[in-house]
């Protein structure tokens, strides 16, 4: 395991902890939101197989992109914090 892999693992674990905390503190989804999600799932499930696969691949790609962006932003935010601490302690 490289240093970068270890850093990525720590960052991903911290993100998971924060997401869990966010969901615990966030009010439950409204009935309207739940109904819209259910309708979308039913709609996608009833698509012809080629279109269903296309939509599922798009959703997977979109989620993967968001996850990559979050890791990138968190990593750079963390590194900015370290740089700021170093700057403060030099003063």
PDB file of N, CA and C in Angstrom:
ATOM      1  N   UNK A   1       0.846  -1.171   0.000  1.00  0.00           N
ATOM      2  CA  UNK A   1       0.000   0.000   0.000  1.00  0.00           C
ATOM      3  C   UNK A   1       0.894   1.237   0.000  1.00  0.00           C
ATOM      4  N   UNK A   2       0.618   2.126  -0.938  1.00  0.00           N
ATOM      5  CA  UNK A   2       1.414   3.353  -1.028  1.00  0.00           C
ATOM      6  C   UNK A   2       0.897   4.394  -0.026  1.00  0.00           C
ATOM      7  N   UNK A   3       1.694   5.433   0.140  1.00  0.00           N
ATOM      8  CA  UNK A   3       1.286   6.530   1.034  1.00  0.00           C
ATOM      9  C   UNK A   3      -0.001   7.168   0.514  1.00  0.00           C
ATOM     10  N   UNK A   4      -0.099   7.299  -0.808  1.00  0.00           N
ATOM     11  CA  UNK A   4      -1.300   7.884  -1.420  1.00  0.00           C
ATOM     12  C   UNK A   4      -2.524   6.997  -1.165  1.00  0.00           C
ATOM     13  N   UNK A   5      -2.358   5.677  -1.267  1.00  0.00           N
ATOM     14  CA  UNK A   5      -3.464   4.756  -0.988  1.00  0.00           C
ATOM     15  C   UNK A   5      -3.920   4.885   0.461  1.00  0.00           C
ATOM     16  N   UNK A   6      -2.960   5.005   1.368  1.00  0.00           N
ATOM     17  CA  UNK A   6      -3.288   5.148   2.785  1.00  0.00           C
ATOM     18  C   UNK A   6      -4.035   6.464   3.032  1.00  0.00           C
ATOM     19  N   UNK A   7      -3.555   7.538   2.434  1.00  0.00           N
ATOM     20  CA  UNK A   7      -4.223   8.827   2.559  1.00  0.00           C
ATOM     21  C   UNK A   7      -5.648   8.752   2.001  1.00  0.00           C
ATOM     22  N   UNK A   8      -5.803   8.138   0.837  1.00  0.00           N
ATOM     23  CA  UNK A   8      -7.134   7.986   0.243  1.00  0.00           C
ATOM     24  C   UNK A   8      -8.053   7.186   1.159  1.00  0.00           C
ATOM     25  N   UNK A   9      -7.518   6.141   1.796  1.00  0.00           N
ATOM     26  CA  UNK A   9      -8.319   5.320   2.697  1.00  0.00           C
ATOM     27  C   UNK A   9      -8.781   6.138   3.902  1.00  0.00           C
ATOM     28  N   UNK A  10      -7.866   6.906   4.495  1.00  0.00           N
ATOM     29  CA  UNK A  10      -8.229   7.753   5.638  1.00  0.00           C
ATOM     30  C   UNK A  10      -9.283   8.784   5.247  1.00  0.00           C
ATOM     31  N   UNK A  11      -9.084   9.407   4.103  1.00  0.00           N
ATOM     32  CA  UNK A  11     -10.027  10.426   3.636  1.00  0.00           C
ATOM     33  C   UNK A  11     -11.400   9.809   3.394  1.00  0.00           C
ATOM     34  N   UNK A  12     -11.433   8.667   2.727  1.00  0.00           N
ATOM     35  CA  UNK A  12     -12.719   8.024   2.443  1.00  0.00           C
ATOM     36  C   UNK A  12     -13.417   7.620   3.732  1.00  0.00           C
ATOM     37  N   UNK A  13     -12.676   7.135   4.698  1.00  0.00           N
ATOM     38  CA  UNK A  13     -13.273   6.754   5.987  1.00  0.00           C
ATOM     39  C   UNK A  13     -13.835   7.971   6.707  1.00  0.00           C
ATOM     40  N   UNK A  14     -13.087   9.077   6.679  1.00  0.00           N
ATOM     41  CA  UNK A  14     -13.578  10.313   7.312  1.00  0.00           C
ATOM     42  C   UNK A  14     -14.840  10.805   6.608  1.00  0.00           C
ATOM     43  N   UNK A  15     -14.862  10.753   5.295  1.00  0.00           N
ATOM     44  CA  UNK A  15     -16.054  11.158   4.543  1.00  0.00           C
ATOM     45  C   UNK A  15     -17.238  10.284   4.937  1.00  0.00           C
ATOM     46  N   UNK A  16     -17.025   8.986   5.053  1.00  0.00           N
ATOM     47  CA  UNK A  16     -18.104   8.073   5.450  1.00  0.00           C
ATOM     48  C   UNK A  16     -18.636   8.416   6.839  1.00  0.00           C
ATOM     49  N   UNK A  17     -17.738   8.731   7.770  1.00  0.00           N
ATOM     50  CA  UNK A  17     -18.157   9.114   9.123  1.00  0.00           C
ATOM     51  C   UNK A  17     -18.999  10.386   9.079  1.00  0.00           C
ATOM     52  N   UNK A  18     -18.532  11.374   8.297  1.00  0.00           N
ATOM     53  CA  UNK A  18     -19.268  12.631   8.193  1.00  0.00           C
ATOM     54  C   UNK A  18     -20.627  12.439   7.530  1.00  0.00           C
ATOM     55  N   UNK A  19     -20.696  11.602   6.512  1.00  0.00           N
ATOM     56  CA  UNK A  19     -21.973  11.331   5.843  1.00  0.00           C
ATOM     57  C   UNK A  19     -22.936  10.655   6.810  1.00  0.00           C
ATOM     58  N   UNK A  20     -22.441   9.686   7.591  1.00  0.00           N
ATOM     59  CA  UNK A  20     -23.292   9.035   8.598  1.00  0.00           C
ATOM     60  C   UNK A  20     -23.823  10.056   9.601  1.00  0.00           C
ATOM     61  N   UNK A  21     -22.949  10.951  10.061  1.00  0.00           N
ATOM     62  CA  UNK A  21     -23.362  11.992  11.016  1.00  0.00           C
ATOM     63  C   UNK A  21     -24.393  12.911  10.377  1.00  0.00           C
ATOM     64  N   UNK A  22     -24.174  13.279   9.128  1.00  0.00           N
ATOM     65  CA  UNK A  22     -25.107  14.143   8.412  1.00  0.00           C
ATOM     66  C   UNK A  22     -26.491  13.497   8.356  1.00  0.00           C
ATOM     67  N   UNK A  23     -26.540  12.218   7.999  1.00  0.00           N
ATOM     68  CA  UNK A  23     -27.835  11.536   7.863  1.00  0.00           C
ATOM     69  C   UNK A  23     -28.512  11.333   9.217  1.00  0.00           C
ATOM     70  N   UNK A  24     -27.735  11.160  10.269  1.00  0.00           N
ATOM     71  CA  UNK A  24     -28.327  11.011  11.601  1.00  0.00           C
ATOM     72  C   UNK A  24     -28.950  12.314  12.077  1.00  0.00           C
ATOM     73  N   UNK A  25     -28.347  13.442  11.709  1.00  0.00           N
ATOM     74  CA  UNK A  25     -28.811  14.755  12.156  1.00  0.00           C
ATOM     75  C   UNK A  25     -29.828  15.388  11.211  1.00  0.00           C
ATOM     76  N   UNK A  26     -29.942  14.844  10.009  1.00  0.00           N
ATOM     77  CA  UNK A  26     -30.862  15.396   9.018  1.00  0.00           C
ATOM     78  C   UNK A  26     -32.253  14.809   9.247  1.00  0.00           C
ATOM     79  N   UNK A  27     -33.269  15.649   9.173  1.00  0.00           N
ATOM     80  CA  UNK A  27     -34.623  15.096   9.314  1.00  0.00           C
ATOM     81  C   UNK A  27     -34.891  14.058   8.223  1.00  0.00           C
ATOM     82  N   UNK A  28     -35.739  13.125   8.535  1.00  0.00           N
ATOM     83  CA  UNK A  28     -36.084  12.093   7.560  1.00  0.00           C
ATOM     84  C   UNK A  28     -36.675  12.724   6.301  1.00  0.00           C
ATOM     85  N   UNK A  29     -36.549  12.013   5.203  1.00  0.00           N
ATOM     86  CA  UNK A  29     -37.127  12.486   3.952  1.00  0.00           C
ATOM     87  C   UNK A  29     -38.635  12.602   4.110  1.00  0.00           C
ATOM     88  N   UNK A  30     -39.171  13.585   3.449  1.00  0.00           N
ATOM     89  CA  UNK A  30     -40.614  13.767   3.497  1.00  0.00           C
ATOM     90  C   UNK A  30     -41.290  12.644   2.709  1.00  0.00           C
ATOM     91  N   UNK A  31     -42.563  12.483   2.965  1.00  0.00           N
ATOM     92  CA  UNK A  31     -43.319  11.465   2.221  1.00  0.00           C
ATOM     93  C   UNK A  31     -43.286  11.771   0.732  1.00  0.00           C
ATOM     94  N   UNK A  32     -43.299  13.063   0.386  1.00  0.00           N
ATOM     95  CA  UNK A  32     -43.261  13.457  -1.028  1.00  0.00           C
ATOM     96  C   UNK A  32     -41.951  13.011  -1.678  1.00  0.00           C
ATOM     97  N   UNK A  33     -40.839  13.224  -0.978  1.00  0.00           N
ATOM     98  CA  UNK A  33     -39.537  12.797  -1.500  1.00  0.00           C
ATOM     99  C   UNK A  33     -39.493  11.284  -1.681  1.00  0.00           C
ATOM    100  N   UNK A  34     -39.983  10.561  -0.676  1.00  0.00           N
ATOM    101  CA  UNK A  34     -40.001   9.097  -0.743  1.00  0.00           C
ATOM    102  C   UNK A  34     -40.838   8.629  -1.932  1.00  0.00           C
ATOM    103  N   UNK A  35     -41.974   9.281  -2.158  1.00  0.00           N
ATOM    104  CA  UNK A  35     -42.860   8.912  -3.264  1.00  0.00           C
ATOM    105  C   UNK A  35     -42.192   9.179  -4.613  1.00  0.00           C
ATOM    106  N   UNK A  36     -41.502  10.305  -4.723  1.00  0.00           N
ATOM    107  CA  UNK A  36     -40.806  10.628  -5.979  1.00  0.00           C
ATOM    108  C   UNK A  36     -39.699   9.620  -6.260  1.00  0.00           C
ATOM    109  N   UNK A  37     -38.971   9.228  -5.226  1.00  0.00           N
ATOM    110  CA  UNK A  37     -37.909   8.236  -5.399  1.00  0.00           C
ATOM    111  C   UNK A  37     -38.503   6.905  -5.840  1.00  0.00           C
ATOM    112  N   UNK A  38     -39.579   6.501  -5.197  1.00  0.00           N
ATOM    113  CA  UNK A  38     -40.238   5.244  -5.552  1.00  0.00           C
ATOM    114  C   UNK A  38     -40.739   5.283  -6.993  1.00  0.00           C
ATOM    115  N   UNK A  39     -41.337   6.387  -7.401  1.00  0.00           N
ATOM    116  CA  UNK A  39     -41.822   6.527  -8.776  1.00  0.00           C
ATOM    117  C   UNK A  39     -40.675   6.431  -9.775  1.00  0.00           C
ATOM    118  N   UNK A  40     -39.552   7.072  -9.465  1.00  0.00           N
ATOM    119  CA  UNK A  40     -38.393   7.014 -10.363  1.00  0.00           C
ATOM    120  C   UNK A  40     -37.862   5.587 -10.464  1.00  0.00           C
ATOM    121  N   UNK A  41     -37.784   4.887  -9.331  1.00  0.00           N
ATOM    122  CA  UNK A  41     -37.302   3.503  -9.346  1.00  0.00           C
ATOM    123  C   UNK A  41     -38.222   2.610 -10.176  1.00  0.00           C
ATOM    124  N   UNK A  42     -39.526   2.795 -10.016  1.00  0.00           N
ATOM    125  CA  UNK A  42     -40.488   2.003 -10.792  1.00  0.00           C
ATOM    126  C   UNK A  42     -40.352   2.332 -12.274  1.00  0.00           C
ATOM    127  N   UNK A  43     -40.216   3.618 -12.590  1.00  0.00           N
ATOM    128  CA  UNK A  43     -40.065   4.045 -13.980  1.00  0.00           C
ATOM    129  C   UNK A  43     -38.832   3.403 -14.609  1.00  0.00           C
ATOM    130  N   UNK A  44     -37.712   3.480 -13.919  1.00  0.00           N
ATOM    131  CA  UNK A  44     -36.465   2.908 -14.443  1.00  0.00           C
ATOM    132  C   UNK A  44     -36.594   1.392 -14.580  1.00  0.00           C
ATOM    133  N   UNK A  45     -37.200   0.757 -13.591  1.00  0.00           N
ATOM    134  CA  UNK A  45     -37.359  -0.703 -13.627  1.00  0.00           C
ATOM    135  C   UNK A  45     -38.203  -1.158 -14.817  1.00  0.00           C
ATOM    136  N   UNK A  46     -39.125  -0.332 -15.260  1.00  0.00           N
ATOM    137  CA  UNK A  46     -40.028  -0.702 -16.357  1.00  0.00           C
ATOM    138  C   UNK A  46     -39.525  -0.290 -17.732  1.00  0.00           C
ATOM    139  N   UNK A  47     -38.366   0.307 -17.807  1.00  0.00           N
ATOM    140  CA  UNK A  47     -37.785   0.655 -19.100  1.00  0.00           C
ATOM    141  C   UNK A  47     -37.363  -0.608 -19.845  1.00  0.00           C
ATOM    142  N   UNK A  48     -37.335  -0.534 -21.176  1.00  0.00           N
ATOM    143  CA  UNK A  48     -36.750  -1.652 -21.921  1.00  0.00           C
ATOM    144  C   UNK A  48     -35.299  -1.847 -21.479  1.00  0.00           C
ATOM    145  N   UNK A  49     -34.815  -3.065 -21.588  1.00  0.00           N
ATOM    146  CA  UNK A  49     -33.511  -3.404 -21.001  1.00  0.00           C
ATOM    147  C   UNK A  49     -32.376  -2.507 -21.481  1.00  0.00           C
ATOM    148  N   UNK A  50     -32.354  -2.155 -22.759  1.00  0.00           N
ATOM    149  CA  UNK A  50     -31.267  -1.312 -23.277  1.00  0.00           C
ATOM    150  C   UNK A  50     -31.312   0.082 -22.636  1.00  0.00           C
ATOM    151  N   UNK A  51     -32.490   0.666 -22.563  1.00  0.00           N
ATOM    152  CA  UNK A  51     -32.633   1.997 -21.965  1.00  0.00           C
ATOM    153  C   UNK A  51     -32.389   1.935 -20.457  1.00  0.00           C
ATOM    154  N   UNK A  52     -32.857   0.862 -19.819  1.00  0.00           N
ATOM    155  CA  UNK A  52     -32.633   0.692 -18.375  1.00  0.00           C
ATOM    156  C   UNK A  52     -31.134   0.638 -18.084  1.00  0.00           C
ATOM    157  N   UNK A  53     -30.411  -0.139 -18.865  1.00  0.00           N
ATOM    158  CA  UNK A  53     -28.965  -0.252 -18.679  1.00  0.00           C
ATOM    159  C   UNK A  53     -28.283   1.092 -18.896  1.00  0.00           C
ATOM    160  N   UNK A  54     -28.723   1.836 -19.906  1.00  0.00           N
ATOM    161  CA  UNK A  54     -28.164   3.149 -20.185  1.00  0.00           C
ATOM    162  C   UNK A  54     -28.382   4.098 -19.005  1.00  0.00           C
ATOM    163  N   UNK A  55     -29.596   4.142 -18.462  1.00  0.00           N
ATOM    164  CA  UNK A  55     -29.902   5.007 -17.319  1.00  0.00           C
ATOM    165  C   UNK A  55     -29.100   4.575 -16.093  1.00  0.00           C
ATOM    166  N   UNK A  56     -29.034   3.282 -15.825  1.00  0.00           N
ATOM    167  CA  UNK A  56     -28.279   2.795 -14.665  1.00  0.00           C
ATOM    168  C   UNK A  56     -26.797   3.116 -14.798  1.00  0.00           C
ATOM    169  N   UNK A  57     -26.245   2.976 -15.998  1.00  0.00           N
ATOM    170  CA  UNK A  57     -24.835   3.321 -16.225  1.00  0.00           C
ATOM    171  C   UNK A  57     -24.603   4.814 -16.024  1.00  0.00           C
ATOM    172  N   UNK A  58     -25.557   5.627 -16.478  1.00  0.00           N
ATOM    173  CA  UNK A  58     -25.435   7.077 -16.288  1.00  0.00           C
ATOM    174  C   UNK A  58     -25.451   7.421 -14.799  1.00  0.00           C
ATOM    175  N   UNK A  59     -26.373   6.843 -14.062  1.00  0.00           N
ATOM    176  CA  UNK A  59     -26.461   7.099 -12.619  1.00  0.00           C
ATOM    177  C   UNK A  59     -25.179   6.653 -11.928  1.00  0.00           C
ATOM    178  N   UNK A  60     -24.678   5.477 -12.269  1.00  0.00           N
ATOM    179  CA  UNK A  60     -23.428   4.980 -11.675  1.00  0.00           C
ATOM    180  C   UNK A  60     -22.257   5.919 -11.981  1.00  0.00           C
ATOM    181  N   UNK A  61     -22.174   6.393 -13.216  1.00  0.00           N
ATOM    182  CA  UNK A  61     -21.094   7.305 -13.605  1.00  0.00           C
ATOM    183  C   UNK A  61     -21.204   8.625 -12.858  1.00  0.00           C
ATOM    184  N   UNK A  62     -22.417   9.112 -12.725  1.00  0.00           N
ATOM    185  CA  UNK A  62     -22.649  10.379 -12.024  1.00  0.00           C
ATOM    186  C   UNK A  62     -22.257  10.262 -10.552  1.00  0.00           C
ATOM    187  N   UNK A  63     -22.647   9.180  -9.916  1.00  0.00           N
ATOM    188  CA  UNK A  63     -22.301   8.950  -8.514  1.00  0.00           C
ATOM    189  C   UNK A  63     -20.792   8.816  -8.349  1.00  0.00           C
ATOM    190  N   UNK A  64     -20.157   8.103  -9.257  1.00  0.00           N
ATOM    191  CA  UNK A  64     -18.706   7.936  -9.204  1.00  0.00           C
ATOM    192  C   UNK A  64     -17.994   9.278  -9.351  1.00  0.00           C
ATOM    193  N   UNK A  65     -18.475  10.120 -10.263  1.00  0.00           N
ATOM    194  CA  UNK A  65     -17.887  11.443 -10.455  1.00  0.00           C
ATOM    195  C   UNK A  65     -18.022  12.278  -9.190  1.00  0.00           C
ATOM    196  N   UNK A  66     -19.201  12.272  -8.581  1.00  0.00           N
ATOM    197  CA  UNK A  66     -19.411  13.037  -7.346  1.00  0.00           C
ATOM    198  C   UNK A  66     -18.503  12.533  -6.228  1.00  0.00           C
ATOM    199  N   UNK A  67     -18.354  11.227  -6.118  1.00  0.00           N
ATOM    200  CA  UNK A  67     -17.484  10.665  -5.085  1.00  0.00           C
ATOM    201  C   UNK A  67     -16.037  11.096  -5.312  1.00  0.00           C
ATOM    202  N   UNK A  68     -15.586  11.062  -6.558  1.00  0.00           N
ATOM    203  CA  UNK A  68     -14.213  11.481  -6.875  1.00  0.00           C
ATOM    204  C   UNK A  68     -14.009  12.952  -6.557  1.00  0.00           C
ATOM    205  N   UNK A  69     -15.011  13.777  -6.887  1.00  0.00           N
ATOM    206  CA  UNK A  69     -14.906  15.206  -6.590  1.00  0.00           C
ATOM    207  C   UNK A  69     -14.834  15.438  -5.092  1.00  0.00           C
ATOM    208  N   UNK A  70     -15.648  14.723  -4.334  1.00  0.00           N
ATOM    209  CA  UNK A  70     -15.649  14.893  -2.882  1.00  0.00           C
ATOM    210  C   UNK A  70     -14.295  14.539  -2.276  1.00  0.00           C
ATOM    211  N   UNK A  71     -13.715  13.447  -2.720  1.00  0.00           N
ATOM    212  CA  UNK A  71     -12.400  13.040  -2.211  1.00  0.00           C
ATOM    213  C   UNK A  71     -11.353  14.090  -2.564  1.00  0.00           C
ATOM    214  N   UNK A  72     -11.390  14.570  -3.790  1.00  0.00           N
ATOM    215  CA  UNK A  72     -10.444  15.596  -4.234  1.00  0.00           C
ATOM    216  C   UNK A  72     -10.577  16.852  -3.374  1.00  0.00           C
ATOM    217  N   UNK A  73     -11.806  17.323  -3.187  1.00  0.00           N
ATOM    218  CA  UNK A  73     -12.040  18.532  -2.401  1.00  0.00           C
ATOM    219  C   UNK A  73     -11.639  18.334  -0.944  1.00  0.00           C
ATOM    220  N   UNK A  74     -11.976  17.198  -0.368  1.00  0.00           N
ATOM    221  CA  UNK A  74     -11.637  16.934   1.026  1.00  0.00           C
ATOM    222  C   UNK A  74     -10.112  16.890   1.189  1.00  0.00           C
ATOM    223  N   UNK A  75      -9.431  16.195   0.287  1.00  0.00           N
ATOM    224  CA  UNK A  75      -7.976  16.081   0.361  1.00  0.00           C
ATOM    225  C   UNK A  75      -7.328  17.460   0.310  1.00  0.00           C
ATOM    226  N   UNK A  76      -7.769  18.282  -0.628  1.00  0.00           N
ATOM    227  CA  UNK A  76      -7.160  19.599  -0.748  1.00  0.00           C
ATOM    228  C   UNK A  76      -7.552  20.517   0.406  1.00  0.00           C
ATOM    229  N   UNK A  77      -8.738  20.364   0.926  1.00  0.00           N
ATOM    230  CA  UNK A  77      -9.117  21.112   2.121  1.00  0.00           C
ATOM    231  C   UNK A  77      -8.252  20.718   3.301  1.00  0.00           C
ATOM    232  N   UNK A  78      -8.003  19.430   3.436  1.00  0.00           N
ATOM    233  CA  UNK A  78      -7.141  18.922   4.506  1.00  0.00           C
ATOM    234  C   UNK A  78      -5.724  19.482   4.358  1.00  0.00           C
ATOM    235  N   UNK A  79      -5.192  19.420   3.152  1.00  0.00           N
ATOM    236  CA  UNK A  79      -3.834  19.927   2.915  1.00  0.00           C
ATOM    237  C   UNK A  79      -3.765  21.433   3.142  1.00  0.00           C
ATOM    238  N   UNK A  80      -4.828  22.160   2.767  1.00  0.00           N
ATOM    239  CA  UNK A  80      -4.868  23.606   3.048  1.00  0.00           C
ATOM    240  C   UNK A  80      -4.832  23.848   4.549  1.00  0.00           C
ATOM    241  N   UNK A  81      -5.534  23.025   5.309  1.00  0.00           N
ATOM    242  CA  UNK A  81      -5.526  23.147   6.766  1.00  0.00           C
ATOM    243  C   UNK A  81      -4.147  22.907   7.343  1.00  0.00           C
ATOM    244  N   UNK A  82      -3.435  21.919   6.822  1.00  0.00           N
ATOM    245  CA  UNK A  82      -2.070  21.636   7.284  1.00  0.00           C
ATOM    246  C   UNK A  82      -1.156  22.817   6.962  1.00  0.00           C
ATOM    247  N   UNK A  83      -1.274  23.357   5.751  1.00  0.00           N
ATOM    248  CA  UNK A  83      -0.453  24.519   5.377  1.00  0.00           C
ATOM    249  C   UNK A  83      -0.751  25.703   6.289  1.00  0.00           C
ATOM    250  N   UNK A  84      -2.022  25.914   6.605  1.00  0.00           N
ATOM    251  CA  UNK A  84      -2.406  27.022   7.482  1.00  0.00           C
ATOM    252  C   UNK A  84      -1.838  26.825   8.884  1.00  0.00           C
ATOM    253  N   UNK A  85      -1.889  25.589   9.387  1.00  0.00           N
ATOM    254  CA  UNK A  85      -1.320  25.309  10.712  1.00  0.00           C
ATOM    255  C   UNK A  85       0.173  25.588  10.724  1.00  0.00           C
ATOM    256  N   UNK A  86       0.877  25.169   9.684  1.00  0.00           N
ATOM    257  CA  UNK A  86       2.313  25.413   9.588  1.00  0.00           C
ATOM    258  C   UNK A  86       2.597  26.908   9.574  1.00  0.00           C
ATOM    259  N   UNK A  87       1.779  27.650   8.831  1.00  0.00           N
ATOM    260  CA  UNK A  87       1.959  29.099   8.742  1.00  0.00           C
ATOM    261  C   UNK A  87       1.731  29.757  10.094  1.00  0.00           C
ATOM    262  N   UNK A  88       0.692  29.349  10.802  1.00  0.00           N
ATOM    263  CA  UNK A  88       0.372  29.916  12.119  1.00  0.00           C
ATOM    264  C   UNK A  88       1.482  29.614  13.113  1.00  0.00           C
ATOM    265  N   UNK A  89       1.981  28.386  13.118  1.00  0.00           N
ATOM    266  CA  UNK A  89       3.023  28.024  14.081  1.00  0.00           C
ATOM    267  C   UNK A  89       4.364  28.693  13.791  1.00  0.00           C
ATOM    268  N   UNK A  90       4.583  29.152  12.567  1.00  0.00           N
ATOM    269  CA  UNK A  90       5.816  29.882  12.226  1.00  0.00           C
ATOM    270  C   UNK A  90       5.788  31.290  12.794  1.00  0.00           C
ATOM    271  N   UNK A  91       4.589  31.819  13.017  1.00  0.00           N
ATOM    272  CA  UNK A  91       4.441  33.205  13.507  1.00  0.00           C
ATOM    273  C   UNK A  91       4.863  33.341  14.923  1.00  0.00           C
TER     274      UNK A  91
END
